[in-house]
Amino acid sequence: MCGRFSQALPAELMVRLFRAEDVRPWGSEPSWNMAPMQSVTVVARDPARDRRVLSRMQWGLIAPWEKVPEWAKVRPINARCETIERSKLFVRSFEKRRCLVPADAWYEWMKDGAGKTPYALARADKAPVVLGGIWESWGRFPDRRLTVAIVTTPAIEELAHIHDRMPLVLEPEDWPLWLGEVDGDVPGLMRPAAPGHIVTWRVGRAVGNPRNNGPELLAAA
């Protein structure tokens, strides 16, 4: 699964990397400890203007049929690739509203004799990790809310000892298809990362508290 990640990439880097326009509101601060229900940066396609945009969405998908978002009993932060096309909650977003979630790294907790030990996971080539997401729109302006969930796959063998799930990691050549800019086999993109592409390291337990935030959270423990 993916329940916490670092998103401290400079805005200039994301604009250049994704060739996107930054339409986020002022005050979009970097975070080394993104947690569910917080506002995260995503890369989405604006079909009306045929462009990519950096936008802010709340992490935790709200179904469009909910009458009052605050009363929603289900706010999933992840969507399993095995069932996403059969899920009433996810299928419309998967078909029409896919996005990219850029990150420095994500965190997983491994169960051991000491309880749960946190690990950071990132690309071995030190490039940003780009996660596959789906988003949904609830309500109308000015009450419109945009929410997002991160797609997950089974973990590759070398990571399974930490957790049996991992987020969908997309390569640059996958981005146009995932964003719906070109036609192709979108379900075929929902596969685990290639072996050797992800590195892991143990980090301090401070990351377990979402109130803690800073680059020191990514330091090896």
C-alpha atoms as a PDB file:
ATOM      1  CA  MET A   1       0.000   0.000   0.000  1.00  0.00           C
ATOM      2  CA  CYS A   2       1.002   3.636   0.132  1.00  0.00           C
ATOM      3  CA  GLY A   3      -0.039   5.443   3.293  1.00  0.00           C
ATOM      4  CA  ARG A   4       2.657   8.096   3.609  1.00  0.00           C
ATOM      5  CA  PHE A   5       5.126   9.725   1.220  1.00  0.00           C
ATOM      6  CA  SER A   6       7.523  12.635   0.782  1.00  0.00           C
ATOM      7  CA  GLN A   7       6.619  15.352  -1.715  1.00  0.00           C
ATOM      8  CA  ALA A   8       9.236  18.077  -1.414  1.00  0.00           C
ATOM      9  CA  LEU A   9      10.136  18.466  -5.081  1.00  0.00           C
ATOM     10  CA  PRO A  10      10.695  22.105  -6.148  1.00  0.00           C
ATOM     11  CA  ALA A  11       7.884  23.566  -8.219  1.00  0.00           C
ATOM     12  CA  GLU A  12      10.314  24.559 -10.965  1.00  0.00           C
ATOM     13  CA  LEU A  13      11.509  20.968 -11.277  1.00  0.00           C
ATOM     14  CA  MET A  14       7.963  19.606 -11.568  1.00  0.00           C
ATOM     15  CA  VAL A  15       6.981  22.195 -14.179  1.00  0.00           C
ATOM     16  CA  ARG A  16      10.025  21.283 -16.256  1.00  0.00           C
ATOM     17  CA  LEU A  17       9.855  17.514 -15.704  1.00  0.00           C
ATOM     18  CA  PHE A  18       6.186  17.170 -16.623  1.00  0.00           C
ATOM     19  CA  ARG A  19       5.982  20.111 -19.041  1.00  0.00           C
ATOM     20  CA  ALA A  20       3.032  21.291 -16.961  1.00  0.00           C
ATOM     21  CA  GLU A  21       1.533  24.600 -15.942  1.00  0.00           C
ATOM     22  CA  ASP A  22       1.461  25.256 -12.205  1.00  0.00           C
ATOM     23  CA  VAL A  23      -2.113  26.220 -11.298  1.00  0.00           C
ATOM     24  CA  ARG A  24      -1.822  25.413  -7.604  1.00  0.00           C
ATOM     25  CA  PRO A  25      -2.903  28.051  -5.072  1.00  0.00           C
ATOM     26  CA  TRP A  26      -0.323  30.131  -3.279  1.00  0.00           C
ATOM     27  CA  GLY A  27       1.010  28.536  -0.147  1.00  0.00           C
ATOM     28  CA  SER A  28       1.526  25.036  -1.568  1.00  0.00           C
ATOM     29  CA  GLU A  29       4.363  24.018   0.717  1.00  0.00           C
ATOM     30  CA  PRO A  30       6.638  20.986   0.328  1.00  0.00           C
ATOM     31  CA  SER A  31       6.131  18.119   2.742  1.00  0.00           C
ATOM     32  CA  TRP A  32       8.382  15.236   3.745  1.00  0.00           C
ATOM     33  CA  ASN A  33       5.492  13.490   5.481  1.00  0.00           C
ATOM     34  CA  MET A  34       2.344  13.565   3.370  1.00  0.00           C
ATOM     35  CA  ALA A  35      -0.499  11.833   5.201  1.00  0.00           C
ATOM     36  CA  PRO A  36      -4.069  10.870   4.240  1.00  0.00           C
ATOM     37  CA  MET A  37      -6.575  13.740   4.065  1.00  0.00           C
ATOM     38  CA  GLN A  38      -3.820  16.248   3.400  1.00  0.00           C
ATOM     39  CA  SER A  39      -3.595  18.279   0.195  1.00  0.00           C
ATOM     40  CA  VAL A  40      -1.095  16.816  -2.278  1.00  0.00           C
ATOM     41  CA  THR A  41       0.240  17.941  -5.649  1.00  0.00           C
ATOM     42  CA  VAL A  42      -0.804  15.897  -8.677  1.00  0.00           C
ATOM     43  CA  VAL A  43      -0.195  16.183 -12.400  1.00  0.00           C
ATOM     44  CA  ALA A  44      -3.477  15.999 -14.298  1.00  0.00           C
ATOM     45  CA  ARG A  45      -4.559  16.597 -17.867  1.00  0.00           C
ATOM     46  CA  ASP A  46      -6.767  19.560 -18.699  1.00  0.00           C
ATOM     47  CA  PRO A  47      -8.565  18.240 -21.806  1.00  0.00           C
ATOM     48  CA  ALA A  48     -10.273  21.567 -22.497  1.00  0.00           C
ATOM     49  CA  ARG A  49      -6.904  23.212 -23.143  1.00  0.00           C
ATOM     50  CA  ASP A  50      -4.948  20.056 -23.976  1.00  0.00           C
ATOM     51  CA  ARG A  51      -2.316  20.716 -21.338  1.00  0.00           C
ATOM     52  CA  ARG A  52      -0.873  19.217 -18.175  1.00  0.00           C
ATOM     53  CA  VAL A  53      -1.380  21.078 -14.926  1.00  0.00           C
ATOM     54  CA  LEU A  54      -0.003  20.845 -11.405  1.00  0.00           C
ATOM     55  CA  SER A  55      -3.033  20.845  -9.137  1.00  0.00           C
ATOM     56  CA  ARG A  56      -3.807  20.295  -5.457  1.00  0.00           C
ATOM     57  CA  MET A  57      -6.134  17.501  -4.384  1.00  0.00           C
ATOM     58  CA  GLN A  58      -7.061  16.007  -1.045  1.00  0.00           C
ATOM     59  CA  TRP A  59      -5.681  12.525  -0.515  1.00  0.00           C
ATOM     60  CA  GLY A  60      -8.673  10.259   0.090  1.00  0.00           C
ATOM     61  CA  LEU A  61     -11.230   9.752  -2.686  1.00  0.00           C
ATOM     62  CA  ILE A  62     -14.766  11.072  -2.180  1.00  0.00           C
ATOM     63  CA  ALA A  63     -17.420   9.345  -4.282  1.00  0.00           C
ATOM     64  CA  PRO A  64     -19.444  11.810  -6.391  1.00  0.00           C
ATOM     65  CA  TRP A  65     -22.705  10.388  -5.007  1.00  0.00           C
ATOM     66  CA  GLU A  66     -21.908  11.352  -1.407  1.00  0.00           C
ATOM     67  CA  LYS A  67     -24.342  13.995  -0.182  1.00  0.00           C
ATOM     68  CA  VAL A  68     -22.032  15.474   2.469  1.00  0.00           C
ATOM     69  CA  PRO A  69     -18.288  14.776   2.072  1.00  0.00           C
ATOM     70  CA  GLU A  70     -17.642  15.021   5.808  1.00  0.00           C
ATOM     71  CA  TRP A  71     -20.104  12.180   6.380  1.00  0.00           C
ATOM     72  CA  ALA A  72     -18.490   9.822   3.870  1.00  0.00           C
ATOM     73  CA  LYS A  73     -17.799   6.497   5.565  1.00  0.00           C
ATOM     74  CA  VAL A  74     -15.301   5.456   2.897  1.00  0.00           C
ATOM     75  CA  ARG A  75     -12.387   7.716   1.886  1.00  0.00           C
ATOM     76  CA  PRO A  76      -9.905   5.313   0.259  1.00  0.00           C
ATOM     77  CA  ILE A  77      -6.341   6.523  -0.163  1.00  0.00           C
ATOM     78  CA  ASN A  78      -5.380   3.504  -2.310  1.00  0.00           C
ATOM     79  CA  ALA A  79      -7.011   1.603  -5.185  1.00  0.00           C
ATOM     80  CA  ARG A  80      -5.916  -1.973  -5.854  1.00  0.00           C
ATOM     81  CA  CYS A  81      -4.979  -2.592  -9.495  1.00  0.00           C
ATOM     82  CA  GLU A  82      -6.601  -6.041  -9.423  1.00  0.00           C
ATOM     83  CA  THR A  83     -10.097  -4.689  -8.736  1.00  0.00           C
ATOM     84  CA  ILE A  84     -10.015  -1.081  -9.945  1.00  0.00           C
ATOM     85  CA  GLU A  85     -11.899  -1.851 -13.162  1.00  0.00           C
ATOM     86  CA  ARG A  86     -14.698  -3.665 -11.289  1.00  0.00           C
ATOM     87  CA  SER A  87     -15.117  -1.225  -8.417  1.00  0.00           C
ATOM     88  CA  LYS A  88     -18.139   1.063  -8.492  1.00  0.00           C
ATOM     89  CA  LEU A  89     -16.113   3.602  -6.526  1.00  0.00           C
ATOM     90  CA  PHE A  90     -13.047   3.571  -8.780  1.00  0.00           C
ATOM     91  CA  VAL A  91     -14.028   2.547 -12.301  1.00  0.00           C
ATOM     92  CA  ARG A  92     -15.208   5.956 -13.536  1.00  0.00           C
ATOM     93  CA  SER A  93     -12.098   7.672 -12.231  1.00  0.00           C
ATOM     94  CA  PHE A  94      -9.885   4.982 -13.733  1.00  0.00           C
ATOM     95  CA  GLU A  95     -11.521   5.375 -17.129  1.00  0.00           C
ATOM     96  CA  LYS A  96     -11.690   9.175 -17.221  1.00  0.00           C
ATOM     97  CA  ARG A  97      -9.569  10.756 -14.468  1.00  0.00           C
ATOM     98  CA  ARG A  98      -6.079   9.374 -14.102  1.00  0.00           C
ATOM     99  CA  CYS A  99      -3.215  11.461 -12.754  1.00  0.00           C
ATOM    100  CA  LEU A 100       0.436  11.348 -11.709  1.00  0.00           C
ATOM    101  CA  VAL A 101       1.560  11.830  -8.108  1.00  0.00           C
ATOM    102  CA  PRO A 102       5.213  12.964  -7.970  1.00  0.00           C
ATOM    103  CA  ALA A 103       7.234  12.083  -4.873  1.00  0.00           C
ATOM    104  CA  ASP A 104      10.777  11.923  -3.520  1.00  0.00           C
ATOM    105  CA  ALA A 105      10.049   8.604  -1.797  1.00  0.00           C
ATOM    106  CA  TRP A 106       7.303   6.705  -0.043  1.00  0.00           C
ATOM    107  CA  TYR A 107       7.253   5.052   3.368  1.00  0.00           C
ATOM    108  CA  GLU A 108       6.302   1.548   4.452  1.00  0.00           C
ATOM    109  CA  TRP A 109       6.312  -0.092   7.880  1.00  0.00           C
ATOM    110  CA  MET A 110       7.746  -3.586   8.308  1.00  0.00           C
ATOM    111  CA  LYS A 111       6.424  -5.735  11.130  1.00  0.00           C
ATOM    112  CA  ASP A 112       9.250  -7.125  13.261  1.00  0.00           C
ATOM    113  CA  GLY A 113      10.077  -8.002  16.845  1.00  0.00           C
ATOM    114  CA  ALA A 114      10.214  -4.326  17.756  1.00  0.00           C
ATOM    115  CA  GLY A 115       6.709  -3.669  16.420  1.00  0.00           C
ATOM    116  CA  LYS A 116       6.841  -1.807  13.107  1.00  0.00           C
ATOM    117  CA  THR A 117      10.016  -0.368  11.614  1.00  0.00           C
ATOM    118  CA  PRO A 118       9.629   2.412   9.002  1.00  0.00           C
ATOM    119  CA  TYR A 119      11.456   2.312   5.688  1.00  0.00           C
ATOM    120  CA  ALA A 120      11.780   4.822   2.867  1.00  0.00           C
ATOM    121  CA  LEU A 121      11.593   3.556  -0.714  1.00  0.00           C
ATOM    122  CA  ALA A 122      12.773   5.502  -3.753  1.00  0.00           C
ATOM    123  CA  ARG A 123      14.117   5.097  -7.271  1.00  0.00           C
ATOM    124  CA  ALA A 124      17.613   3.677  -7.496  1.00  0.00           C
ATOM    125  CA  ASP A 125      18.532   6.268 -10.155  1.00  0.00           C
ATOM    126  CA  LYS A 126      17.579   9.102  -7.733  1.00  0.00           C
ATOM    127  CA  ALA A 127      14.953  10.458 -10.150  1.00  0.00           C
ATOM    128  CA  PRO A 128      11.587  11.484  -8.691  1.00  0.00           C
ATOM    129  CA  VAL A 129       9.173   8.612  -8.079  1.00  0.00           C
ATOM    130  CA  VAL A 130       6.031   9.110 -10.164  1.00  0.00           C
ATOM    131  CA  LEU A 131       3.027   7.237  -8.808  1.00  0.00           C
ATOM    132  CA  GLY A 132      -0.142   6.417 -10.723  1.00  0.00           C
ATOM    133  CA  GLY A 133      -3.280   7.961  -9.261  1.00  0.00           C
ATOM    134  CA  ILE A 134      -6.970   8.401  -9.985  1.00  0.00           C
ATOM    135  CA  TRP A 135      -9.010  11.448  -9.028  1.00  0.00           C
ATOM    136  CA  GLU A 136     -12.614  12.437  -8.567  1.00  0.00           C
ATOM    137  CA  SER A 137     -14.594  15.675  -8.510  1.00  0.00           C
ATOM    138  CA  TRP A 138     -17.327  16.308  -5.961  1.00  0.00           C
ATOM    139  CA  GLY A 139     -19.791  19.203  -6.101  1.00  0.00           C
ATOM    140  CA  ARG A 140     -19.668  22.425  -8.072  1.00  0.00           C
ATOM    141  CA  PHE A 141     -17.775  25.666  -7.802  1.00  0.00           C
ATOM    142  CA  PRO A 142     -17.261  27.265  -5.280  1.00  0.00           C
ATOM    143  CA  ASP A 143     -17.773  24.082  -3.204  1.00  0.00           C
ATOM    144  CA  ARG A 144     -16.045  21.784  -5.693  1.00  0.00           C
ATOM    145  CA  ARG A 145     -13.623  19.303  -4.148  1.00  0.00           C
ATOM    146  CA  LEU A 146     -10.936  17.347  -5.948  1.00  0.00           C
ATOM    147  CA  THR A 147      -9.748  14.148  -4.282  1.00  0.00           C
ATOM    148  CA  VAL A 148      -7.225  11.487  -5.229  1.00  0.00           C
ATOM    149  CA  ALA A 149      -6.279   7.869  -4.516  1.00  0.00           C
ATOM    150  CA  ILE A 150      -2.989   6.140  -5.366  1.00  0.00           C
ATOM    151  CA  VAL A 151      -3.111   2.884  -7.330  1.00  0.00           C
ATOM    152  CA  THR A 152      -1.262  -0.074  -5.784  1.00  0.00           C
ATOM    153  CA  THR A 153       0.158  -3.321  -7.158  1.00  0.00           C
ATOM    154  CA  PRO A 154       1.646  -6.427  -5.557  1.00  0.00           C
ATOM    155  CA  ALA A 155       5.149  -5.708  -4.270  1.00  0.00           C
ATOM    156  CA  ILE A 156       8.104  -6.987  -6.239  1.00  0.00           C
ATOM    157  CA  GLU A 157       9.901  -9.900  -4.565  1.00  0.00           C
ATOM    158  CA  GLU A 158      12.791  -7.816  -3.246  1.00  0.00           C
ATOM    159  CA  LEU A 159      10.373  -5.507  -1.380  1.00  0.00           C
ATOM    160  CA  ALA A 160       7.840  -8.076  -0.179  1.00  0.00           C
ATOM    161  CA  HIS A 161       9.650  -8.565   3.141  1.00  0.00           C
ATOM    162  CA  ILE A 162       8.753  -4.965   4.005  1.00  0.00           C
ATOM    163  CA  HIS A 163       5.194  -4.944   2.675  1.00  0.00           C
ATOM    164  CA  ASP A 164       3.236  -7.103   0.239  1.00  0.00           C
ATOM    165  CA  ARG A 165       1.862  -4.074  -1.646  1.00  0.00           C
ATOM    166  CA  MET A 166       3.495  -1.088  -3.320  1.00  0.00           C
ATOM    167  CA  PRO A 167       2.282   1.966  -5.229  1.00  0.00           C
ATOM    168  CA  LEU A 168       2.132   1.877  -9.010  1.00  0.00           C
ATOM    169  CA  VAL A 169       5.419   3.398 -10.212  1.00  0.00           C
ATOM    170  CA  LEU A 170       5.194   4.814 -13.737  1.00  0.00           C
ATOM    171  CA  GLU A 171       8.095   5.427 -16.107  1.00  0.00           C
ATOM    172  CA  PRO A 172       8.276   8.624 -18.235  1.00  0.00           C
ATOM    173  CA  GLU A 173       7.255   6.728 -21.357  1.00  0.00           C
ATOM    174  CA  ASP A 174       4.085   5.624 -19.519  1.00  0.00           C
ATOM    175  CA  TRP A 175       2.915   9.111 -18.572  1.00  0.00           C
ATOM    176  CA  PRO A 176       1.112  10.099 -21.819  1.00  0.00           C
ATOM    177  CA  LEU A 177      -0.916   6.887 -21.846  1.00  0.00           C
ATOM    178  CA  TRP A 178      -1.782   7.069 -18.144  1.00  0.00           C
ATOM    179  CA  LEU A 179      -2.893  10.691 -18.530  1.00  0.00           C
ATOM    180  CA  GLY A 180      -5.085   9.838 -21.522  1.00  0.00           C
ATOM    181  CA  GLU A 181      -3.045  11.870 -23.990  1.00  0.00           C
ATOM    182  CA  VAL A 182      -2.664   8.842 -26.281  1.00  0.00           C
ATOM    183  CA  ASP A 183      -4.652   5.657 -26.795  1.00  0.00           C
ATOM    184  CA  GLY A 184      -3.351   2.270 -25.700  1.00  0.00           C
ATOM    185  CA  ASP A 185      -3.439  -0.529 -23.170  1.00  0.00           C
ATOM    186  CA  VAL A 186      -3.882   1.357 -19.892  1.00  0.00           C
ATOM    187  CA  PRO A 187      -4.511  -1.795 -17.773  1.00  0.00           C
ATOM    188  CA  GLY A 188      -1.184  -3.085 -19.063  1.00  0.00           C
ATOM    189  CA  LEU A 189       0.577  -0.270 -17.202  1.00  0.00           C
ATOM    190  CA  MET A 190      -0.624  -1.586 -13.847  1.00  0.00           C
ATOM    191  CA  ARG A 191       2.330  -3.829 -13.106  1.00  0.00           C
ATOM    192  CA  PRO A 192       4.935  -3.863 -10.324  1.00  0.00           C
ATOM    193  CA  ALA A 193       8.128  -1.891 -10.816  1.00  0.00           C
ATOM    194  CA  ALA A 194      11.010  -3.685 -12.500  1.00  0.00           C
ATOM    195  CA  PRO A 195      13.441  -5.497 -10.173  1.00  0.00           C
ATOM    196  CA  GLY A 196      16.424  -3.389  -9.159  1.00  0.00           C
ATOM    197  CA  HIS A 197      14.686  -0.060  -9.806  1.00  0.00           C
ATOM    198  CA  ILE A 198      13.722   0.619  -6.163  1.00  0.00           C
ATOM    199  CA  VAL A 199      16.049   1.035  -3.185  1.00  0.00           C
ATOM    200  CA  THR A 200      15.090   0.970   0.503  1.00  0.00           C
ATOM    201  CA  TRP A 201      16.565   2.248   3.742  1.00  0.00           C
ATOM    202  CA  ARG A 202      15.441   2.286   7.349  1.00  0.00           C
ATOM    203  CA  VAL A 203      14.353   5.663   8.731  1.00  0.00           C
ATOM    204  CA  GLY A 204      13.528   6.985  12.192  1.00  0.00           C
ATOM    205  CA  ARG A 205      10.211   6.372  13.907  1.00  0.00           C
ATOM    206  CA  ALA A 206       9.437  10.102  13.907  1.00  0.00           C
ATOM    207  CA  VAL A 207       7.870   9.651  10.474  1.00  0.00           C
ATOM    208  CA  GLY A 208       5.027   7.777  12.152  1.00  0.00           C
ATOM    209  CA  ASN A 209       3.644  11.053  13.502  1.00  0.00           C
ATOM    210  CA  PRO A 210       2.220  13.233  10.686  1.00  0.00           C
ATOM    211  CA  ARG A 211       2.924  16.326  12.768  1.00  0.00           C
ATOM    212  CA  ASN A 212       6.635  15.716  12.211  1.00  0.00           C
ATOM    213  CA  ASN A 213       7.833  17.217   8.955  1.00  0.00           C
ATOM    214  CA  GLY A 214      11.283  17.957   7.595  1.00  0.00           C
ATOM    215  CA  PRO A 215      14.058  16.552   5.384  1.00  0.00           C
ATOM    216  CA  GLU A 216      15.553  14.724   8.393  1.00  0.00           C
ATOM    217  CA  LEU A 217      12.691  12.204   8.105  1.00  0.00           C
ATOM    218  CA  LEU A 218      14.372  10.756   5.005  1.00  0.00           C
ATOM    219  CA  ALA A 219      17.728  10.283   6.756  1.00  0.00           C
ATOM    220  CA  ALA A 220      18.893   6.709   7.245  1.00  0.00           C
ATOM    221  CA  ALA A 221      18.464   5.469  10.805  1.00  0.00           C
END
